[in-house]
Amino acid sequence: MYWLMTTVGRFLVAPTVLRSSAQAIITVSCVGMAVSLVLAVVPALAPYAYAGVGLFIAPIFRAVPLLLCGVSAAGLAATLWLIHATRIH
């Protein structure tokens, strides 16, 4: 369920990235993941909480490169290294 929600979250965040700032997306994602992880300690809620973590972690993969590009030219280089590093198996 975690991986399914991560995939769904990536599709859901696509229109949001165009309308919201990267900082706002990352903030909401971190708060959502924190709440989901707190709920994960309740055994009855754990499966739903881990699905929530997957949903909230998905936007970070799209927003962090945007945030790094906006910082400076060094941020652009960091983004390129980040993209390269995710392709290494």
Protein backbone atom coordinates (compact mmCIF):
# COMPACT_ATOMS: atom_id res chain seq x y z
CA MET A 1 0.00 0.00 0.00
CA TYR A 2 2.94 2.32 0.73
CA TRP A 3 4.32 2.03 -2.81
CA LEU A 4 0.87 2.33 -4.38
CA MET A 5 0.21 5.55 -2.48
CA THR A 6 3.66 6.86 -3.41
CA THR A 7 2.77 6.36 -7.07
CA VAL A 8 -0.67 7.93 -6.64
CA GLY A 9 0.89 10.86 -4.79
CA ARG A 10 3.27 11.56 -7.65
CA PHE A 11 0.33 11.89 -10.03
CA LEU A 12 -1.64 14.03 -7.59
CA VAL A 13 1.21 16.46 -6.98
CA ALA A 14 1.78 17.27 -10.66
CA PRO A 15 -0.90 19.99 -10.88
CA THR A 16 -0.05 21.23 -7.37
CA VAL A 17 3.60 21.94 -8.26
CA LEU A 18 2.47 24.46 -10.84
CA ARG A 19 0.29 26.38 -8.35
CA SER A 20 2.24 26.13 -5.07
CA SER A 21 5.75 26.96 -3.97
CA ALA A 22 8.26 24.20 -3.32
CA GLN A 23 8.59 25.33 0.30
CA ALA A 24 4.83 24.96 0.88
CA ILE A 25 4.76 21.51 -0.72
CA ILE A 26 7.70 20.30 1.36
CA THR A 27 6.22 21.72 4.56
CA VAL A 28 2.83 20.07 4.03
CA SER A 29 4.54 16.82 3.07
CA CYS A 30 6.73 16.77 6.18
CA VAL A 31 3.81 17.55 8.48
CA GLY A 32 1.68 14.89 6.79
CA MET A 33 4.46 12.30 7.12
CA ALA A 34 4.99 13.20 10.79
CA VAL A 35 1.29 12.84 11.58
CA SER A 36 1.14 9.55 9.68
CA LEU A 37 4.15 8.18 11.55
CA VAL A 38 2.64 9.15 14.90
CA LEU A 39 -0.55 7.31 13.92
CA ALA A 40 1.53 4.27 12.92
CA VAL A 41 2.13 3.39 16.58
CA VAL A 42 -1.56 2.47 16.90
CA PRO A 43 -1.74 -1.11 15.57
CA ALA A 44 -5.23 -0.69 14.11
CA LEU A 45 -4.19 2.43 12.21
CA ALA A 46 -0.71 1.31 11.15
CA PRO A 47 -1.61 0.09 7.62
CA TYR A 48 -3.43 3.33 6.87
CA ALA A 49 -0.66 5.38 8.43
CA TYR A 50 2.00 3.79 6.26
CA ALA A 51 -0.17 4.44 3.21
CA GLY A 52 -0.34 8.06 4.39
CA VAL A 53 3.45 8.21 4.63
CA GLY A 54 3.67 6.98 1.04
CA LEU A 55 1.18 9.60 -0.09
CA PHE A 56 2.97 12.45 1.68
CA ILE A 57 6.50 11.44 0.69
CA ALA A 58 5.69 11.45 -3.04
CA PRO A 59 5.65 15.26 -3.50
CA ILE A 60 9.11 15.62 -2.01
CA PHE A 61 10.67 13.84 -4.99
CA ARG A 62 9.20 16.51 -7.26
CA ALA A 63 9.58 19.58 -5.03
CA VAL A 64 13.17 19.25 -3.79
CA PRO A 65 14.76 19.62 -7.25
CA LEU A 66 12.59 22.71 -7.85
CA LEU A 67 13.70 24.13 -4.53
CA LEU A 68 17.37 23.44 -5.25
CA CYS A 69 17.19 25.06 -8.69
CA GLY A 70 15.76 28.22 -7.20
CA VAL A 71 18.54 28.65 -4.67
CA SER A 72 21.55 29.31 -6.91
CA ALA A 73 23.66 27.98 -9.75
CA ALA A 74 25.17 25.58 -7.22
CA GLY A 75 21.62 24.40 -6.56
CA LEU A 76 21.25 23.57 -10.24
CA ALA A 77 24.44 21.52 -10.08
CA ALA A 78 23.15 19.78 -6.95
CA THR A 79 19.91 19.00 -8.76
CA LEU A 80 21.78 17.46 -11.67
CA TRP A 81 23.81 15.32 -9.25
CA LEU A 82 20.61 14.33 -7.47
CA ILE A 83 19.03 13.21 -10.73
CA HIS A 84 22.17 11.29 -11.66
CA ALA A 85 22.35 9.62 -8.24
CA THR A 86 18.77 8.38 -8.46
CA ARG A 87 19.56 6.60 -11.71
CA ILE A 88 22.42 4.54 -10.27
CA HIS A 89 21.40 0.98 -9.44
